[in-house]
């Protein structure tokens, strides 16, 4: 079945899309930026760069990180980070419902072309 992905272009230069939201969800699950990056097969630097980009795009950070060291660091979503993830997932659900018939028609047209 055809799928749709949502990317939100924010007023500034920031963007929020499926990859960044997966990273945020991974941080919530793994308790660290590097752990979330590993789970997504993303380099350590890429994960940190995306988090920095996300944090700079919003009035307050979405991720709170503690430095590493002997005891190890860690990261967690801030309340705003949790809200942004929940709202993004709600937007996806609402959009999928709204475009379902159109996606089915596009998929059917693609099947006709392949036949």
PDB file of N, CA and C in Angstrom:
ATOM      1  N   UNK A   1       0.841  -1.190   0.000  1.00  0.00           N
ATOM      2  CA  UNK A   1       0.000   0.000   0.000  1.00  0.00           C
ATOM      3  C   UNK A   1       0.877   1.241   0.000  1.00  0.00           C
ATOM      4  N   UNK A   2       0.471   2.241  -0.731  1.00  0.00           N
ATOM      5  CA  UNK A   2       1.192   3.513  -0.761  1.00  0.00           C
ATOM      6  C   UNK A   2       1.185   4.127   0.637  1.00  0.00           C
ATOM      7  N   UNK A   3       2.275   4.790   0.965  1.00  0.00           N
ATOM      8  CA  UNK A   3       2.387   5.449   2.268  1.00  0.00           C
ATOM      9  C   UNK A   3       2.706   6.911   2.049  1.00  0.00           C
ATOM     10  N   UNK A   4       2.450   7.684   3.060  1.00  0.00           N
ATOM     11  CA  UNK A   4       2.742   9.103   3.036  1.00  0.00           C
ATOM     12  C   UNK A   4       3.669   9.403   4.220  1.00  0.00           C
ATOM     13  N   UNK A   5       4.606  10.316   4.021  1.00  0.00           N
ATOM     14  CA  UNK A   5       5.404  10.764   5.155  1.00  0.00           C
ATOM     15  C   UNK A   5       5.219  12.266   5.289  1.00  0.00           C
ATOM     16  N   UNK A   6       5.318  12.719   6.507  1.00  0.00           N
ATOM     17  CA  UNK A   6       5.073  14.125   6.818  1.00  0.00           C
ATOM     18  C   UNK A   6       6.385  14.786   7.210  1.00  0.00           C
ATOM     19  N   UNK A   7       6.678  15.920   6.603  1.00  0.00           N
ATOM     20  CA  UNK A   7       7.785  16.763   7.031  1.00  0.00           C
ATOM     21  C   UNK A   7       7.207  18.137   7.300  1.00  0.00           C
ATOM     22  N   UNK A   8       7.498  18.657   8.460  1.00  0.00           N
ATOM     23  CA  UNK A   8       7.010  19.975   8.852  1.00  0.00           C
ATOM     24  C   UNK A   8       8.171  20.955   8.730  1.00  0.00           C
ATOM     25  N   UNK A   9       7.989  21.971   7.896  1.00  0.00           N
ATOM     26  CA  UNK A   9       8.964  23.046   7.764  1.00  0.00           C
ATOM     27  C   UNK A   9       8.555  24.146   8.733  1.00  0.00           C
ATOM     28  N   UNK A  10       9.386  24.366   9.724  1.00  0.00           N
ATOM     29  CA  UNK A  10       9.092  25.352  10.757  1.00  0.00           C
ATOM     30  C   UNK A  10       9.369  26.757  10.232  1.00  0.00           C
ATOM     31  N   UNK A  11       8.881  27.770  10.940  1.00  0.00           N
ATOM     32  CA  UNK A  11       9.046  29.151  10.491  1.00  0.00           C
ATOM     33  C   UNK A  11      10.513  29.533  10.289  1.00  0.00           C
ATOM     34  N   UNK A  12      11.380  29.053  11.159  1.00  0.00           N
ATOM     35  CA  UNK A  12      12.808  29.326  10.981  1.00  0.00           C
ATOM     36  C   UNK A  12      13.367  28.379   9.939  1.00  0.00           C
ATOM     37  N   UNK A  13      14.587  27.938  10.129  1.00  0.00           N
ATOM     38  CA  UNK A  13      15.198  26.989   9.206  1.00  0.00           C
ATOM     39  C   UNK A  13      14.931  25.542   9.597  1.00  0.00           C
ATOM     40  N   UNK A  14      14.282  25.320  10.720  1.00  0.00           N
ATOM     41  CA  UNK A  14      14.119  23.974  11.244  1.00  0.00           C
ATOM     42  C   UNK A  14      13.103  23.140  10.492  1.00  0.00           C
ATOM     43  N   UNK A  15      13.308  21.851  10.584  1.00  0.00           N
ATOM     44  CA  UNK A  15      12.400  20.872   9.981  1.00  0.00           C
ATOM     45  C   UNK A  15      12.184  19.740  10.974  1.00  0.00           C
ATOM     46  N   UNK A  16      10.994  19.175  10.913  1.00  0.00           N
ATOM     47  CA  UNK A  16      10.657  18.030  11.749  1.00  0.00           C
ATOM     48  C   UNK A  16      10.024  16.987  10.851  1.00  0.00           C
ATOM     49  N   UNK A  17      10.634  15.816  10.818  1.00  0.00           N
ATOM     50  CA  UNK A  17      10.127  14.753   9.961  1.00  0.00           C
ATOM     51  C   UNK A  17      10.275  13.402  10.619  1.00  0.00           C
ATOM     52  N   UNK A  18      10.007  12.348   9.852  1.00  0.00           N
ATOM     53  CA  UNK A  18       9.989  11.007  10.436  1.00  0.00           C
ATOM     54  C   UNK A  18      11.307  10.573  11.069  1.00  0.00           C
ATOM     55  N   UNK A  19      12.439  10.923  10.462  1.00  0.00           N
ATOM     56  CA  UNK A  19      13.724  10.510  11.013  1.00  0.00           C
ATOM     57  C   UNK A  19      14.022  11.164  12.354  1.00  0.00           C
ATOM     58  N   UNK A  20      13.765  12.451  12.448  1.00  0.00           N
ATOM     59  CA  UNK A  20      14.016  13.148  13.713  1.00  0.00           C
ATOM     60  C   UNK A  20      13.067  12.673  14.802  1.00  0.00           C
ATOM     61  N   UNK A  21      11.828  12.395  14.431  1.00  0.00           N
ATOM     62  CA  UNK A  21      10.881  11.907  15.429  1.00  0.00           C
ATOM     63  C   UNK A  21      11.283  10.509  15.904  1.00  0.00           C
ATOM     64  N   UNK A  22      11.736   9.662  14.987  1.00  0.00           N
ATOM     65  CA  UNK A  22      12.244   8.347  15.407  1.00  0.00           C
ATOM     66  C   UNK A  22      13.430   8.489  16.349  1.00  0.00           C
ATOM     67  N   UNK A  23      14.305   9.448  16.078  1.00  0.00           N
ATOM     68  CA  UNK A  23      15.440   9.687  16.967  1.00  0.00           C
ATOM     69  C   UNK A  23      14.953  10.120  18.350  1.00  0.00           C
ATOM     70  N   UNK A  24      13.994  11.032  18.394  1.00  0.00           N
ATOM     71  CA  UNK A  24      13.446  11.458  19.685  1.00  0.00           C
ATOM     72  C   UNK A  24      12.823  10.277  20.431  1.00  0.00           C
ATOM     73  N   UNK A  25      12.075   9.453  19.716  1.00  0.00           N
ATOM     74  CA  UNK A  25      11.484   8.272  20.362  1.00  0.00           C
ATOM     75  C   UNK A  25      12.569   7.311  20.831  1.00  0.00           C
ATOM     76  N   UNK A  26      13.650   7.194  20.071  1.00  0.00           N
ATOM     77  CA  UNK A  26      14.765   6.341  20.480  1.00  0.00           C
ATOM     78  C   UNK A  26      15.448   6.864  21.727  1.00  0.00           C
ATOM     79  N   UNK A  27      15.581   8.169  21.837  1.00  0.00           N
ATOM     80  CA  UNK A  27      16.173   8.765  23.038  1.00  0.00           C
ATOM     81  C   UNK A  27      15.298   8.450  24.251  1.00  0.00           C
ATOM     82  N   UNK A  28      13.987   8.587  24.074  1.00  0.00           N
ATOM     83  CA  UNK A  28      13.072   8.269  25.176  1.00  0.00           C
ATOM     84  C   UNK A  28      13.193   6.797  25.577  1.00  0.00           C
ATOM     85  N   UNK A  29      13.373   5.927  24.593  1.00  0.00           N
ATOM     86  CA  UNK A  29      13.453   4.487  24.870  1.00  0.00           C
ATOM     87  C   UNK A  29      14.796   4.075  25.457  1.00  0.00           C
ATOM     88  N   UNK A  30      15.890   4.601  24.905  1.00  0.00           N
ATOM     89  CA  UNK A  30      17.229   4.138  25.287  1.00  0.00           C
ATOM     90  C   UNK A  30      17.895   4.998  26.353  1.00  0.00           C
ATOM     91  N   UNK A  31      17.386   6.184  26.594  1.00  0.00           N
ATOM     92  CA  UNK A  31      17.960   7.036  27.621  1.00  0.00           C
ATOM     93  C   UNK A  31      19.268   7.687  27.228  1.00  0.00           C
ATOM     94  N   UNK A  32      19.608   7.639  25.944  1.00  0.00           N
ATOM     95  CA  UNK A  32      20.821   8.318  25.485  1.00  0.00           C
ATOM     96  C   UNK A  32      20.720   8.616  23.998  1.00  0.00           C
ATOM     97  N   UNK A  33      21.425   9.657  23.600  1.00  0.00           N
ATOM     98  CA  UNK A  33      21.463  10.037  22.185  1.00  0.00           C
ATOM     99  C   UNK A  33      22.255   8.999  21.400  1.00  0.00           C
ATOM    100  N   UNK A  34      23.379   8.579  21.946  1.00  0.00           N
ATOM    101  CA  UNK A  34      24.200   7.604  21.227  1.00  0.00           C
ATOM    102  C   UNK A  34      23.472   6.258  21.113  1.00  0.00           C
ATOM    103  N   UNK A  35      22.766   5.850  22.155  1.00  0.00           N
ATOM    104  CA  UNK A  35      22.007   4.606  22.108  1.00  0.00           C
ATOM    105  C   UNK A  35      20.892   4.658  21.071  1.00  0.00           C
ATOM    106  N   UNK A  36      20.218   5.791  21.003  1.00  0.00           N
ATOM    107  CA  UNK A  36      19.168   5.958  19.994  1.00  0.00           C
ATOM    108  C   UNK A  36      19.773   5.931  18.598  1.00  0.00           C
ATOM    109  N   UNK A  37      20.914   6.595  18.431  1.00  0.00           N
ATOM    110  CA  UNK A  37      21.586   6.591  17.129  1.00  0.00           C
ATOM    111  C   UNK A  37      21.992   5.188  16.705  1.00  0.00           C
ATOM    112  N   UNK A  38      22.560   4.431  17.643  1.00  0.00           N
ATOM    113  CA  UNK A  38      22.947   3.044  17.333  1.00  0.00           C
ATOM    114  C   UNK A  38      21.738   2.222  16.900  1.00  0.00           C
ATOM    115  N   UNK A  39      20.633   2.374  17.614  1.00  0.00           N
ATOM    116  CA  UNK A  39      19.424   1.614  17.293  1.00  0.00           C
ATOM    117  C   UNK A  39      18.910   1.956  15.895  1.00  0.00           C
ATOM    118  N   UNK A  40      19.157   3.177  15.456  1.00  0.00           N
ATOM    119  CA  UNK A  40      18.712   3.617  14.128  1.00  0.00           C
ATOM    120  C   UNK A  40      19.806   3.460  13.073  1.00  0.00           C
ATOM    121  N   UNK A  41      20.933   2.845  13.477  1.00  0.00           N
ATOM    122  CA  UNK A  41      22.091   2.673  12.575  1.00  0.00           C
ATOM    123  C   UNK A  41      22.562   4.028  12.032  1.00  0.00           C
ATOM    124  N   UNK A  42      22.652   4.971  12.949  1.00  0.00           N
ATOM    125  CA  UNK A  42      23.044   6.341  12.655  1.00  0.00           C
ATOM    126  C   UNK A  42      24.346   6.621  13.394  1.00  0.00           C
ATOM    127  N   UNK A  43      25.240   7.340  12.773  1.00  0.00           N
ATOM    128  CA  UNK A  43      26.500   7.647  13.438  1.00  0.00           C
ATOM    129  C   UNK A  43      26.254   8.509  14.673  1.00  0.00           C
ATOM    130  N   UNK A  44      27.184   8.406  15.601  1.00  0.00           N
ATOM    131  CA  UNK A  44      27.143   9.196  16.829  1.00  0.00           C
ATOM    132  C   UNK A  44      27.051  10.684  16.493  1.00  0.00           C
ATOM    133  N   UNK A  45      27.890  11.132  15.577  1.00  0.00           N
ATOM    134  CA  UNK A  45      27.911  12.552  15.204  1.00  0.00           C
ATOM    135  C   UNK A  45      26.589  12.980  14.577  1.00  0.00           C
ATOM    136  N   UNK A  46      26.047  12.151  13.702  1.00  0.00           N
ATOM    137  CA  UNK A  46      24.779  12.490  13.045  1.00  0.00           C
ATOM    138  C   UNK A  46      23.662  12.626  14.078  1.00  0.00           C
ATOM    139  N   UNK A  47      23.586  11.706  15.012  1.00  0.00           N
ATOM    140  CA  UNK A  47      22.551  11.768  16.041  1.00  0.00           C
ATOM    141  C   UNK A  47      22.685  13.049  16.865  1.00  0.00           C
ATOM    142  N   UNK A  48      23.907  13.363  17.280  1.00  0.00           N
ATOM    143  CA  UNK A  48      24.123  14.580  18.060  1.00  0.00           C
ATOM    144  C   UNK A  48      23.819  15.832  17.250  1.00  0.00           C
ATOM    145  N   UNK A  49      24.190  15.839  15.970  1.00  0.00           N
ATOM    146  CA  UNK A  49      23.899  17.001  15.109  1.00  0.00           C
ATOM    147  C   UNK A  49      22.395  17.205  14.952  1.00  0.00           C
ATOM    148  N   UNK A  50      21.651  16.113  14.793  1.00  0.00           N
ATOM    149  CA  UNK A  50      20.195  16.231  14.665  1.00  0.00           C
ATOM    150  C   UNK A  50      19.562  16.748  15.951  1.00  0.00           C
ATOM    151  N   UNK A  51      20.049  16.272  17.084  1.00  0.00           N
ATOM    152  CA  UNK A  51      19.529  16.762  18.361  1.00  0.00           C
ATOM    153  C   UNK A  51      19.844  18.246  18.524  1.00  0.00           C
ATOM    154  N   UNK A  52      21.050  18.650  18.167  1.00  0.00           N
ATOM    155  CA  UNK A  52      21.409  20.077  18.260  1.00  0.00           C
ATOM    156  C   UNK A  52      20.500  20.911  17.365  1.00  0.00           C
ATOM    157  N   UNK A  53      20.231  20.415  16.168  1.00  0.00           N
ATOM    158  CA  UNK A  53      19.343  21.106  15.236  1.00  0.00           C
ATOM    159  C   UNK A  53      17.933  21.216  15.813  1.00  0.00           C
ATOM    160  N   UNK A  54      17.430  20.123  16.363  1.00  0.00           N
ATOM    161  CA  UNK A  54      16.100  20.148  16.968  1.00  0.00           C
ATOM    162  C   UNK A  54      16.042  21.130  18.131  1.00  0.00           C
ATOM    163  N   UNK A  55      17.025  21.056  19.011  1.00  0.00           N
ATOM    164  CA  UNK A  55      17.027  21.944  20.175  1.00  0.00           C
ATOM    165  C   UNK A  55      17.107  23.413  19.773  1.00  0.00           C
ATOM    166  N   UNK A  56      17.834  23.704  18.691  1.00  0.00           N
ATOM    167  CA  UNK A  56      17.958  25.087  18.233  1.00  0.00           C
ATOM    168  C   UNK A  56      16.692  25.577  17.530  1.00  0.00           C
ATOM    169  N   UNK A  57      15.871  24.662  17.057  1.00  0.00           N
ATOM    170  CA  UNK A  57      14.683  25.027  16.290  1.00  0.00           C
ATOM    171  C   UNK A  57      13.496  25.421  17.157  1.00  0.00           C
ATOM    172  N   UNK A  58      13.544  25.091  18.428  1.00  0.00           N
ATOM    173  CA  UNK A  58      12.418  25.354  19.314  1.00  0.00           C
ATOM    174  C   UNK A  58      12.828  26.338  20.405  1.00  0.00           C
ATOM    175  N   UNK A  59      11.832  26.988  20.989  1.00  0.00           N
ATOM    176  CA  UNK A  59      12.088  28.010  22.016  1.00  0.00           C
ATOM    177  C   UNK A  59      12.826  27.431  23.213  1.00  0.00           C
ATOM    178  N   UNK A  60      12.513  26.197  23.547  1.00  0.00           N
ATOM    179  CA  UNK A  60      13.229  25.497  24.608  1.00  0.00           C
ATOM    180  C   UNK A  60      13.630  24.133  24.057  1.00  0.00           C
ATOM    181  N   UNK A  61      14.675  23.516  24.612  1.00  0.00           N
ATOM    182  CA  UNK A  61      15.166  22.245  24.079  1.00  0.00           C
ATOM    183  C   UNK A  61      14.123  21.129  24.126  1.00  0.00           C
ATOM    184  N   UNK A  62      14.233  20.219  23.169  1.00  0.00           N
ATOM    185  CA  UNK A  62      13.406  19.013  23.161  1.00  0.00           C
ATOM    186  C   UNK A  62      14.097  17.867  23.878  1.00  0.00           C
ATOM    187  N   UNK A  63      15.434  17.950  23.949  1.00  0.00           N
ATOM    188  CA  UNK A  63      16.244  16.901  24.568  1.00  0.00           C
ATOM    189  C   UNK A  63      17.147  17.540  25.609  1.00  0.00           C
ATOM    190  N   UNK A  64      17.193  16.924  26.765  1.00  0.00           N
ATOM    191  CA  UNK A  64      18.105  17.330  27.827  1.00  0.00           C
ATOM    192  C   UNK A  64      19.162  16.244  27.953  1.00  0.00           C
ATOM    193  N   UNK A  65      20.428  16.616  27.800  1.00  0.00           N
ATOM    194  CA  UNK A  65      21.512  15.634  27.839  1.00  0.00           C
ATOM    195  C   UNK A  65      22.466  15.959  28.979  1.00  0.00           C
ATOM    196  N   UNK A  66      23.004  14.901  29.592  1.00  0.00           N
ATOM    197  CA  UNK A  66      24.052  15.044  30.594  1.00  0.00           C
ATOM    198  C   UNK A  66      25.325  14.497  29.982  1.00  0.00           C
ATOM    199  N   UNK A  67      26.430  15.153  30.270  1.00  0.00           N
ATOM    200  CA  UNK A  67      27.713  14.713  29.733  1.00  0.00           C
ATOM    201  C   UNK A  67      28.089  13.328  30.210  1.00  0.00           C
ATOM    202  N   UNK A  68      28.916  12.672  29.423  1.00  0.00           N
ATOM    203  CA  UNK A  68      29.366  11.320  29.757  1.00  0.00           C
ATOM    204  C   UNK A  68      30.417  11.344  30.854  1.00  0.00           C
ATOM    205  N   UNK A  69      31.275  10.406  30.826  1.00  0.00           N
ATOM    206  CA  UNK A  69      32.301  10.304  31.849  1.00  0.00           C
ATOM    207  C   UNK A  69      32.253   8.932  32.481  1.00  0.00           C
ATOM    208  N   UNK A  70      32.871   8.817  33.653  1.00  0.00           N
ATOM    209  CA  UNK A  70      32.965   7.526  34.319  1.00  0.00           C
ATOM    210  C   UNK A  70      31.590   6.908  34.594  1.00  0.00           C
ATOM    211  N   UNK A  71      30.676   7.717  35.102  1.00  0.00           N
ATOM    212  CA  UNK A  71      29.338   7.215  35.413  1.00  0.00           C
ATOM    213  C   UNK A  71      28.432   7.161  34.199  1.00  0.00           C
ATOM    214  N   UNK A  72      28.900   7.656  33.076  1.00  0.00           N
ATOM    215  CA  UNK A  72      28.087   7.679  31.870  1.00  0.00           C
ATOM    216  C   UNK A  72      27.160   8.875  31.869  1.00  0.00           C
ATOM    217  N   UNK A  73      26.737   9.246  30.717  1.00  0.00           N
ATOM    218  CA  UNK A  73      25.816  10.374  30.574  1.00  0.00           C
ATOM    219  C   UNK A  73      24.409   9.861  30.413  1.00  0.00           C
ATOM    220  N   UNK A  74      23.692  10.542  29.631  1.00  0.00           N
ATOM    221  CA  UNK A  74      22.322  10.138  29.376  1.00  0.00           C
ATOM    222  C   UNK A  74      21.567  11.290  28.761  1.00  0.00           C
ATOM    223  N   UNK A  75      20.398  11.005  28.295  1.00  0.00           N
ATOM    224  CA  UNK A  75      19.548  12.034  27.710  1.00  0.00           C
ATOM    225  C   UNK A  75      18.100  11.630  27.908  1.00  0.00           C
ATOM    226  N   UNK A  76      17.261  12.618  27.911  1.00  0.00           N
ATOM    227  CA  UNK A  76      15.827  12.379  28.028  1.00  0.00           C
ATOM    228  C   UNK A  76      15.101  13.466  27.264  1.00  0.00           C
ATOM    229  N   UNK A  77      13.872  13.179  26.910  1.00  0.00           N
ATOM    230  CA  UNK A  77      13.055  14.208  26.288  1.00  0.00           C
ATOM    231  C   UNK A  77      12.544  15.147  27.372  1.00  0.00           C
ATOM    232  N   UNK A  78      12.518  16.403  27.049  1.00  0.00           N
ATOM    233  CA  UNK A  78      11.902  17.377  27.942  1.00  0.00           C
ATOM    234  C   UNK A  78      10.384  17.267  27.757  1.00  0.00           C
ATOM    235  N   UNK A  79       9.617  17.902  28.630  1.00  0.00           N
ATOM    236  CA  UNK A  79       8.162  17.891  28.407  1.00  0.00           C
ATOM    237  C   UNK A  79       7.780  18.405  27.012  1.00  0.00           C
ATOM    238  N   UNK A  80       8.491  19.436  26.522  1.00  0.00           N
ATOM    239  CA  UNK A  80       8.211  19.927  25.176  1.00  0.00           C
ATOM    240  C   UNK A  80       8.566  18.867  24.135  1.00  0.00           C
ATOM    241  N   UNK A  81       9.651  18.151  24.335  1.00  0.00           N
ATOM    242  CA  UNK A  81      10.026  17.078  23.417  1.00  0.00           C
ATOM    243  C   UNK A  81       8.953  16.007  23.350  1.00  0.00           C
ATOM    244  N   UNK A  82       8.433  15.609  24.491  1.00  0.00           N
ATOM    245  CA  UNK A  82       7.357  14.619  24.532  1.00  0.00           C
ATOM    246  C   UNK A  82       6.119  15.140  23.812  1.00  0.00           C
ATOM    247  N   UNK A  83       5.805  16.420  24.023  1.00  0.00           N
ATOM    248  CA  UNK A  83       4.639  17.018  23.366  1.00  0.00           C
ATOM    249  C   UNK A  83       4.814  17.066  21.850  1.00  0.00           C
ATOM    250  N   UNK A  84       6.002  17.454  21.399  1.00  0.00           N
ATOM    251  CA  UNK A  84       6.256  17.548  19.957  1.00  0.00           C
ATOM    252  C   UNK A  84       6.120  16.175  19.300  1.00  0.00           C
ATOM    253  N   UNK A  85       6.660  15.135  19.922  1.00  0.00           N
ATOM    254  CA  UNK A  85       6.527  13.777  19.376  1.00  0.00           C
ATOM    255  C   UNK A  85       5.050  13.384  19.318  1.00  0.00           C
ATOM    256  N   UNK A  86       4.310  13.610  20.393  1.00  0.00           N
ATOM    257  CA  UNK A  86       2.891  13.242  20.426  1.00  0.00           C
ATOM    258  C   UNK A  86       2.098  14.001  19.364  1.00  0.00           C
ATOM    259  N   UNK A  87       2.389  15.269  19.196  1.00  0.00           N
ATOM    260  CA  UNK A  87       1.661  16.059  18.191  1.00  0.00           C
ATOM    261  C   UNK A  87       2.033  15.623  16.774  1.00  0.00           C
ATOM    262  N   UNK A  88       3.291  15.317  16.543  1.00  0.00           N
ATOM    263  CA  UNK A  88       3.708  14.846  15.227  1.00  0.00           C
ATOM    264  C   UNK A  88       2.984  13.540  14.880  1.00  0.00           C
ATOM    265  N   UNK A  89       2.935  12.611  15.820  1.00  0.00           N
ATOM    266  CA  UNK A  89       2.256  11.342  15.579  1.00  0.00           C
ATOM    267  C   UNK A  89       0.750  11.552  15.365  1.00  0.00           C
ATOM    268  N   UNK A  90       0.158  12.514  16.063  1.00  0.00           N
ATOM    269  CA  UNK A  90      -1.263  12.833  15.855  1.00  0.00           C
ATOM    270  C   UNK A  90      -1.482  13.418  14.458  1.00  0.00           C
ATOM    271  N   UNK A  91      -0.572  14.278  14.017  1.00  0.00           N
ATOM    272  CA  UNK A  91      -0.657  14.832  12.664  1.00  0.00           C
ATOM    273  C   UNK A  91      -0.586  13.706  11.637  1.00  0.00           C
ATOM    274  N   UNK A  92       0.341  12.765  11.834  1.00  0.00           N
ATOM    275  CA  UNK A  92       0.447  11.621  10.916  1.00  0.00           C
ATOM    276  C   UNK A  92      -0.860  10.830  10.849  1.00  0.00           C
ATOM    277  N   UNK A  93      -1.423  10.530  12.013  1.00  0.00           N
ATOM    278  CA  UNK A  93      -2.672   9.746  12.040  1.00  0.00           C
ATOM    279  C   UNK A  93      -3.802  10.492  11.336  1.00  0.00           C
ATOM    280  N   UNK A  94      -3.947  11.779  11.653  1.00  0.00           N
ATOM    281  CA  UNK A  94      -5.024  12.564  11.048  1.00  0.00           C
ATOM    282  C   UNK A  94      -4.838  12.689   9.538  1.00  0.00           C
ATOM    283  N   UNK A  95      -3.606  12.914   9.103  1.00  0.00           N
ATOM    284  CA  UNK A  95      -3.336  13.043   7.669  1.00  0.00           C
ATOM    285  C   UNK A  95      -3.593  11.725   6.950  1.00  0.00           C
ATOM    286  N   UNK A  96      -3.180  10.610   7.545  1.00  0.00           N
ATOM    287  CA  UNK A  96      -3.391   9.306   6.919  1.00  0.00           C
ATOM    288  C   UNK A  96      -4.877   9.033   6.728  1.00  0.00           C
ATOM    289  N   UNK A  97      -5.664   9.396   7.712  1.00  0.00           N
ATOM    290  CA  UNK A  97      -7.111   9.220   7.604  1.00  0.00           C
ATOM    291  C   UNK A  97      -7.672  10.093   6.483  1.00  0.00           C
ATOM    292  N   UNK A  98      -7.204  11.333   6.411  1.00  0.00           N
ATOM    293  CA  UNK A  98      -7.720  12.288   5.431  1.00  0.00           C
ATOM    294  C   UNK A  98      -7.376  11.907   3.990  1.00  0.00           C
ATOM    295  N   UNK A  99      -6.243  11.255   3.772  1.00  0.00           N
ATOM    296  CA  UNK A  99      -5.797  10.976   2.396  1.00  0.00           C
ATOM    297  C   UNK A  99      -5.914   9.505   2.005  1.00  0.00           C
ATOM    298  N   UNK A 100      -6.486   8.687   2.853  1.00  0.00           N
ATOM    299  CA  UNK A 100      -6.540   7.243   2.583  1.00  0.00           C
ATOM    300  C   UNK A 100      -7.092   6.928   1.193  1.00  0.00           C
ATOM    301  N   UNK A 101      -8.230   7.497   0.819  1.00  0.00           N
ATOM    302  CA  UNK A 101      -8.835   7.196  -0.486  1.00  0.00           C
ATOM    303  C   UNK A 101      -7.921   7.642  -1.623  1.00  0.00           C
ATOM    304  N   UNK A 102      -7.262   8.763  -1.468  1.00  0.00           N
ATOM    305  CA  UNK A 102      -6.353   9.251  -2.511  1.00  0.00           C
ATOM    306  C   UNK A 102      -5.141   8.329  -2.652  1.00  0.00           C
ATOM    307  N   UNK A 103      -4.600   7.878  -1.541  1.00  0.00           N
ATOM    308  CA  UNK A 103      -3.466   6.953  -1.600  1.00  0.00           C
ATOM    309  C   UNK A 103      -3.861   5.638  -2.263  1.00  0.00           C
ATOM    310  N   UNK A 104      -5.042   5.153  -1.939  1.00  0.00           N
ATOM    311  CA  UNK A 104      -5.510   3.920  -2.568  1.00  0.00           C
ATOM    312  C   UNK A 104      -5.645   4.097  -4.077  1.00  0.00           C
ATOM    313  N   UNK A 105      -6.146   5.261  -4.514  1.00  0.00           N
ATOM    314  CA  UNK A 105      -6.289   5.527  -5.949  1.00  0.00           C
ATOM    315  C   UNK A 105      -4.933   5.626  -6.630  1.00  0.00           C
ATOM    316  N   UNK A 106      -3.991   6.260  -5.990  1.00  0.00           N
ATOM    317  CA  UNK A 106      -2.642   6.358  -6.555  1.00  0.00           C
ATOM    318  C   UNK A 106      -2.019   4.972  -6.647  1.00  0.00           C
ATOM    319  N   UNK A 107      -2.183   4.174  -5.605  1.00  0.00           N
ATOM    320  CA  UNK A 107      -1.635   2.819  -5.616  1.00  0.00           C
ATOM    321  C   UNK A 107      -2.273   1.984  -6.718  1.00  0.00           C
ATOM    322  N   UNK A 108      -3.569   2.111  -6.900  1.00  0.00           N
ATOM    323  CA  UNK A 108      -4.258   1.365  -7.962  1.00  0.00           C
ATOM    324  C   UNK A 108      -3.763   1.801  -9.333  1.00  0.00           C
ATOM    325  N   UNK A 109      -3.524   3.096  -9.514  1.00  0.00           N
ATOM    326  CA  UNK A 109      -3.011   3.586 -10.796  1.00  0.00           C
ATOM    327  C   UNK A 109      -1.612   3.046 -11.045  1.00  0.00           C
ATOM    328  N   UNK A 110      -0.815   2.957  -9.997  1.00  0.00           N
ATOM    329  CA  UNK A 110       0.539   2.415 -10.143  1.00  0.00           C
ATOM    330  C   UNK A 110       0.483   0.948 -10.543  1.00  0.00           C
ATOM    331  N   UNK A 111      -0.440   0.202  -9.977  1.00  0.00           N
ATOM    332  CA  UNK A 111      -0.578  -1.215 -10.332  1.00  0.00           C
ATOM    333  C   UNK A 111      -1.006  -1.381 -11.779  1.00  0.00           C
ATOM    334  N   UNK A 112      -1.912  -0.504 -12.244  1.00  0.00           N
ATOM    335  CA  UNK A 112      -2.357  -0.573 -13.647  1.00  0.00           C
ATOM    336  C   UNK A 112      -1.182  -0.306 -14.588  1.00  0.00           C
ATOM    337  N   UNK A 113      -0.345   0.648 -14.216  1.00  0.00           N
ATOM    338  CA  UNK A 113       0.810   1.003 -15.064  1.00  0.00           C
ATOM    339  C   UNK A 113       1.810  -0.149 -15.129  1.00  0.00           C
ATOM    340  N   UNK A 114       1.929  -0.908 -14.043  1.00  0.00           N
ATOM    341  CA  UNK A 114       2.889  -2.004 -13.988  1.00  0.00           C
ATOM    342  C   UNK A 114       2.389  -3.238 -14.736  1.00  0.00           C
ATOM    343  N   UNK A 115       1.092  -3.307 -14.952  1.00  0.00           N
ATOM    344  CA  UNK A 115       0.504  -4.508 -15.600  1.00  0.00           C
ATOM    345  C   UNK A 115       0.716  -4.517 -17.103  1.00  0.00           C
TER     346      UNK A 115
END
